[in-house]
Amino acid sequence: MSWSALAAATEPEPIPVTLDEAAEKATSAASWVEENWSTWLNTGLRILLILVVAIVLRWAVRRALTKLIDRMNRSAQAVEGQPSAVCSSTPSGGGSAPRRSVRCSVP
């Protein structure tokens, strides 16, 4: 797009003087919206579908990884002959943000 076309596109159009000019402008704008609304709807629905698929995939991958890590931890403990660790969390430290310390013990 050239600078003159860009400048012409950004310049406000003169206000219609007569009722016929105003009606013609309104009809032109309405026909432009009528021609393009389906494209806008199609684009919006595609974006929505992509977001939904991305959120579902993120949830599924996180859940699968969590289950895999838990299963690997259980199998490693079973190979070592250790029962599941018992963990407890207690608040520790001072300051504005309370921190929790986690202690695990194997019975």
N, C-alpha and C. Protein backbone atom coordinates (compact mmCIF):
# COMPACT_ATOMS: atom_id res chain seq x y z
N MET A 1 0.86 -1.18 0.00
CA MET A 1 0.00 0.00 0.00
C MET A 1 0.90 1.23 0.00
N SER A 2 0.63 2.16 -0.87
CA SER A 2 1.45 3.35 -0.98
C SER A 2 1.04 4.37 0.08
N TRP A 3 1.92 5.36 0.28
CA TRP A 3 1.65 6.37 1.31
C TRP A 3 0.42 7.20 0.96
N SER A 4 0.23 7.48 -0.33
CA SER A 4 -0.93 8.29 -0.71
C SER A 4 -2.23 7.53 -0.47
N ALA A 5 -2.21 6.21 -0.73
CA ALA A 5 -3.40 5.41 -0.48
C ALA A 5 -3.66 5.30 1.02
N LEU A 6 -2.59 5.17 1.80
CA LEU A 6 -2.73 5.10 3.25
C LEU A 6 -3.25 6.41 3.81
N ALA A 7 -2.73 7.52 3.29
CA ALA A 7 -3.19 8.83 3.75
C ALA A 7 -4.65 9.04 3.36
N ALA A 8 -5.02 8.58 2.18
CA ALA A 8 -6.40 8.73 1.74
C ALA A 8 -7.33 7.87 2.58
N ALA A 9 -6.84 6.70 3.02
CA ALA A 9 -7.66 5.80 3.82
C ALA A 9 -7.87 6.34 5.23
N THR A 10 -6.91 7.11 5.74
CA THR A 10 -7.03 7.62 7.10
C THR A 10 -7.73 8.97 7.18
N GLU A 11 -7.87 9.64 6.03
CA GLU A 11 -8.55 10.93 6.05
C GLU A 11 -10.05 10.71 6.21
N PRO A 12 -10.69 11.47 7.08
CA PRO A 12 -12.14 11.29 7.24
C PRO A 12 -12.88 11.73 5.98
N GLU A 13 -13.92 10.97 5.68
CA GLU A 13 -14.71 11.32 4.51
C GLU A 13 -15.64 12.47 4.87
N PRO A 14 -15.98 13.29 3.91
CA PRO A 14 -16.85 14.43 4.22
C PRO A 14 -18.24 13.95 4.65
N ILE A 15 -18.84 14.70 5.53
CA ILE A 15 -20.17 14.38 6.04
C ILE A 15 -21.17 14.57 4.91
N PRO A 16 -22.07 13.59 4.71
CA PRO A 16 -23.05 13.73 3.63
C PRO A 16 -23.93 14.96 3.85
N VAL A 17 -24.19 15.65 2.77
CA VAL A 17 -24.96 16.89 2.84
C VAL A 17 -26.45 16.60 2.73
N THR A 18 -26.79 15.66 1.87
CA THR A 18 -28.21 15.40 1.64
C THR A 18 -28.62 14.07 2.24
N LEU A 19 -29.91 13.89 2.33
CA LEU A 19 -30.45 12.65 2.86
C LEU A 19 -30.13 11.48 1.94
N ASP A 20 -30.13 11.70 0.64
CA ASP A 20 -29.80 10.65 -0.32
C ASP A 20 -28.36 10.19 -0.17
N GLU A 21 -27.44 11.14 0.06
CA GLU A 21 -26.03 10.77 0.27
C GLU A 21 -25.87 9.96 1.55
N ALA A 22 -26.57 10.36 2.59
CA ALA A 22 -26.50 9.62 3.86
C ALA A 22 -27.06 8.21 3.69
N ALA A 23 -28.17 8.08 2.97
CA ALA A 23 -28.75 6.76 2.74
C ALA A 23 -27.82 5.89 1.90
N GLU A 24 -27.17 6.48 0.93
CA GLU A 24 -26.23 5.73 0.09
C GLU A 24 -25.04 5.23 0.90
N LYS A 25 -24.51 6.09 1.77
CA LYS A 25 -23.39 5.69 2.64
C LYS A 25 -23.81 4.57 3.59
N ALA A 26 -25.00 4.70 4.18
CA ALA A 26 -25.48 3.67 5.10
C ALA A 26 -25.68 2.35 4.37
N THR A 27 -26.21 2.40 3.17
CA THR A 27 -26.42 1.18 2.38
C THR A 27 -25.08 0.55 2.01
N SER A 28 -24.12 1.38 1.67
CA SER A 28 -22.79 0.89 1.34
C SER A 28 -22.15 0.20 2.54
N ALA A 29 -22.24 0.81 3.70
CA ALA A 29 -21.67 0.23 4.91
C ALA A 29 -22.38 -1.07 5.27
N ALA A 30 -23.69 -1.10 5.14
CA ALA A 30 -24.45 -2.31 5.46
C ALA A 30 -24.10 -3.45 4.51
N SER A 31 -23.93 -3.14 3.24
CA SER A 31 -23.59 -4.20 2.29
C SER A 31 -22.18 -4.72 2.54
N TRP A 32 -21.27 -3.83 2.95
CA TRP A 32 -19.91 -4.26 3.27
C TRP A 32 -19.92 -5.20 4.48
N VAL A 33 -20.69 -4.88 5.51
CA VAL A 33 -20.79 -5.75 6.68
C VAL A 33 -21.43 -7.07 6.29
N GLU A 34 -22.48 -7.01 5.46
CA GLU A 34 -23.17 -8.23 5.03
C GLU A 34 -22.24 -9.15 4.25
N GLU A 35 -21.35 -8.59 3.44
CA GLU A 35 -20.40 -9.39 2.67
C GLU A 35 -19.34 -10.03 3.55
N ASN A 36 -18.97 -9.39 4.65
CA ASN A 36 -17.82 -9.83 5.43
C ASN A 36 -18.15 -10.51 6.75
N TRP A 37 -19.39 -10.52 7.21
CA TRP A 37 -19.67 -11.05 8.54
C TRP A 37 -19.37 -12.54 8.64
N SER A 38 -19.61 -13.28 7.58
CA SER A 38 -19.36 -14.73 7.64
C SER A 38 -17.87 -15.02 7.76
N THR A 39 -17.05 -14.20 7.12
CA THR A 39 -15.60 -14.36 7.24
C THR A 39 -15.15 -14.09 8.67
N TRP A 40 -15.69 -13.04 9.27
CA TRP A 40 -15.33 -12.72 10.66
C TRP A 40 -15.78 -13.83 11.60
N LEU A 41 -16.97 -14.35 11.40
CA LEU A 41 -17.48 -15.43 12.25
C LEU A 41 -16.62 -16.67 12.08
N ASN A 42 -16.28 -17.00 10.85
CA ASN A 42 -15.45 -18.16 10.57
C ASN A 42 -14.09 -18.04 11.25
N THR A 43 -13.48 -16.87 11.16
CA THR A 43 -12.18 -16.64 11.78
C THR A 43 -12.28 -16.74 13.31
N GLY A 44 -13.30 -16.14 13.87
CA GLY A 44 -13.48 -16.21 15.32
C GLY A 44 -13.69 -17.62 15.82
N LEU A 45 -14.48 -18.40 15.09
CA LEU A 45 -14.72 -19.79 15.49
C LEU A 45 -13.46 -20.63 15.36
N ARG A 46 -12.65 -20.36 14.36
CA ARG A 46 -11.37 -21.09 14.23
C ARG A 46 -10.45 -20.78 15.41
N ILE A 47 -10.37 -19.51 15.78
CA ILE A 47 -9.54 -19.13 16.92
C ILE A 47 -10.03 -19.80 18.19
N LEU A 48 -11.35 -19.80 18.39
CA LEU A 48 -11.93 -20.45 19.57
C LEU A 48 -11.63 -21.94 19.59
N LEU A 49 -11.76 -22.60 18.44
CA LEU A 49 -11.47 -24.03 18.37
C LEU A 49 -10.00 -24.31 18.68
N ILE A 50 -9.10 -23.49 18.16
CA ILE A 50 -7.67 -23.67 18.43
C ILE A 50 -7.38 -23.51 19.92
N LEU A 51 -8.01 -22.52 20.56
CA LEU A 51 -7.80 -22.32 21.99
C LEU A 51 -8.32 -23.50 22.80
N VAL A 52 -9.49 -24.01 22.45
CA VAL A 52 -10.06 -25.15 23.18
C VAL A 52 -9.17 -26.38 23.02
N VAL A 53 -8.71 -26.65 21.81
CA VAL A 53 -7.84 -27.80 21.58
C VAL A 53 -6.53 -27.63 22.36
N ALA A 54 -5.97 -26.43 22.37
CA ALA A 54 -4.71 -26.20 23.09
C ALA A 54 -4.89 -26.41 24.59
N ILE A 55 -6.00 -25.94 25.14
CA ILE A 55 -6.24 -26.10 26.58
C ILE A 55 -6.44 -27.57 26.94
N VAL A 56 -7.20 -28.29 26.13
CA VAL A 56 -7.43 -29.72 26.39
C VAL A 56 -6.13 -30.50 26.27
N LEU A 57 -5.34 -30.22 25.24
CA LEU A 57 -4.06 -30.91 25.09
C LEU A 57 -3.11 -30.62 26.25
N ARG A 58 -3.07 -29.37 26.70
CA ARG A 58 -2.22 -29.01 27.84
C ARG A 58 -2.62 -29.78 29.08
N TRP A 59 -3.93 -29.86 29.32
CA TRP A 59 -4.43 -30.58 30.49
C TRP A 59 -4.08 -32.07 30.38
N ALA A 60 -4.27 -32.65 29.20
CA ALA A 60 -4.01 -34.09 29.02
C ALA A 60 -2.52 -34.41 29.17
N VAL A 61 -1.65 -33.56 28.62
CA VAL A 61 -0.21 -33.81 28.72
C VAL A 61 0.26 -33.67 30.16
N ARG A 62 -0.23 -32.63 30.85
CA ARG A 62 0.17 -32.46 32.26
C ARG A 62 -0.28 -33.65 33.11
N ARG A 63 -1.50 -34.11 32.87
CA ARG A 63 -2.03 -35.25 33.64
C ARG A 63 -1.23 -36.51 33.32
N ALA A 64 -0.92 -36.74 32.05
CA ALA A 64 -0.15 -37.92 31.67
C ALA A 64 1.25 -37.88 32.26
N LEU A 65 1.89 -36.72 32.24
CA LEU A 65 3.23 -36.61 32.82
C LEU A 65 3.21 -36.84 34.33
N THR A 66 2.21 -36.29 35.00
CA THR A 66 2.10 -36.50 36.45
C THR A 66 1.93 -37.97 36.77
N LYS A 67 1.06 -38.65 36.03
CA LYS A 67 0.86 -40.08 36.27
C LYS A 67 2.13 -40.87 35.97
N LEU A 68 2.84 -40.51 34.91
CA LEU A 68 4.07 -41.19 34.56
C LEU A 68 5.12 -41.02 35.66
N ILE A 69 5.27 -39.82 36.16
CA ILE A 69 6.25 -39.56 37.22
C ILE A 69 5.89 -40.32 38.48
N ASP A 70 4.61 -40.31 38.85
CA ASP A 70 4.18 -41.07 40.03
C ASP A 70 4.46 -42.56 39.85
N ARG A 71 4.16 -43.10 38.68
CA ARG A 71 4.38 -44.52 38.42
C ARG A 71 5.87 -44.84 38.47
N MET A 72 6.72 -43.95 37.93
CA MET A 72 8.16 -44.18 37.96
C MET A 72 8.68 -44.15 39.40
N ASN A 73 8.15 -43.22 40.21
CA ASN A 73 8.57 -43.16 41.61
C ASN A 73 8.16 -44.42 42.37
N ARG A 74 6.94 -44.89 42.12
CA ARG A 74 6.49 -46.11 42.80
C ARG A 74 7.32 -47.32 42.38
N SER A 75 7.63 -47.43 41.09
CA SER A 75 8.40 -48.59 40.63
C SER A 75 9.83 -48.52 41.15
N ALA A 76 10.41 -47.34 41.26
CA ALA A 76 11.77 -47.20 41.80
C ALA A 76 11.79 -47.59 43.27
N GLN A 77 10.77 -47.21 44.02
CA GLN A 77 10.70 -47.57 45.43
C GLN A 77 10.47 -49.07 45.59
N ALA A 78 9.70 -49.66 44.70
CA ALA A 78 9.46 -51.10 44.78
C ALA A 78 10.73 -51.87 44.48
N VAL A 79 11.55 -51.41 43.54
CA VAL A 79 12.81 -52.08 43.21
C VAL A 79 13.76 -52.01 44.40
N GLU A 80 13.77 -50.88 45.08
CA GLU A 80 14.65 -50.71 46.24
C GLU A 80 14.09 -51.40 47.47
N GLY A 81 12.86 -51.84 47.41
CA GLY A 81 12.25 -52.50 48.56
C GLY A 81 11.80 -51.54 49.63
N GLN A 82 11.66 -50.29 49.28
CA GLN A 82 11.24 -49.28 50.26
C GLN A 82 9.74 -49.06 50.14
N PRO A 83 9.07 -48.94 51.29
CA PRO A 83 7.67 -48.57 51.23
C PRO A 83 7.54 -47.09 50.87
N SER A 84 6.34 -46.68 50.61
CA SER A 84 6.11 -45.28 50.26
C SER A 84 6.56 -44.37 51.38
N ALA A 85 7.14 -43.25 51.01
CA ALA A 85 7.61 -42.29 51.99
C ALA A 85 6.43 -41.54 52.59
N VAL A 86 6.55 -41.20 53.88
CA VAL A 86 5.52 -40.41 54.55
C VAL A 86 6.06 -39.00 54.67
N CYS A 87 5.34 -38.04 54.12
CA CYS A 87 5.79 -36.66 54.11
C CYS A 87 4.84 -35.80 54.92
N SER A 88 5.41 -34.82 55.59
CA SER A 88 4.58 -33.84 56.29
C SER A 88 5.17 -32.47 56.03
N SER A 89 4.29 -31.48 55.93
CA SER A 89 4.77 -30.13 55.69
C SER A 89 4.47 -29.29 56.91
N THR A 90 5.42 -28.44 57.25
CA THR A 90 5.26 -27.55 58.39
C THR A 90 5.69 -26.15 57.98
N PRO A 91 5.02 -25.13 58.51
CA PRO A 91 5.46 -23.77 58.19
C PRO A 91 6.82 -23.50 58.84
N SER A 92 7.67 -22.78 58.14
CA SER A 92 8.98 -22.45 58.70
C SER A 92 9.40 -21.07 58.22
N GLY A 93 10.33 -20.53 58.92
CA GLY A 93 10.91 -19.24 58.52
C GLY A 93 9.99 -18.09 58.85
N GLY A 94 10.53 -16.89 58.77
CA GLY A 94 9.74 -15.70 59.01
C GLY A 94 9.63 -14.89 57.74
N GLY A 95 9.20 -13.69 57.86
CA GLY A 95 9.10 -12.83 56.69
C GLY A 95 7.67 -12.67 56.24
N SER A 96 7.53 -12.00 55.11
CA SER A 96 6.19 -11.69 54.63
C SER A 96 5.51 -12.89 54.00
N ALA A 97 6.26 -13.75 53.31
CA ALA A 97 5.66 -14.91 52.66
C ALA A 97 6.02 -16.15 53.46
N PRO A 98 5.02 -16.83 54.04
CA PRO A 98 5.33 -18.04 54.80
C PRO A 98 5.82 -19.14 53.87
N ARG A 99 6.87 -19.83 54.27
CA ARG A 99 7.41 -20.93 53.48
C ARG A 99 7.10 -22.23 54.20
N ARG A 100 6.96 -23.25 53.43
CA ARG A 100 6.69 -24.55 54.02
C ARG A 100 7.88 -25.45 53.76
N SER A 101 8.27 -26.18 54.79
CA SER A 101 9.32 -27.15 54.60
C SER A 101 8.67 -28.54 54.58
N VAL A 102 9.20 -29.39 53.76
CA VAL A 102 8.64 -30.74 53.62
C VAL A 102 9.66 -31.72 54.15
N ARG A 103 9.19 -32.57 55.07
CA ARG A 103 10.06 -33.61 55.61
C ARG A 103 9.48 -34.96 55.25
N CYS A 104 10.30 -35.81 54.69
CA CYS A 104 9.86 -37.14 54.34
C CYS A 104 10.67 -38.15 55.14
N SER A 105 9.98 -39.14 55.63
CA SER A 105 10.67 -40.20 56.37
C SER A 105 10.13 -41.52 55.86
N VAL A 106 11.03 -42.49 55.84
CA VAL A 106 10.65 -43.84 55.42
C VAL A 106 10.54 -44.67 56.68
N PRO A 107 9.34 -45.22 56.92
CA PRO A 107 9.17 -46.02 58.15
C PRO A 107 9.92 -47.32 58.10
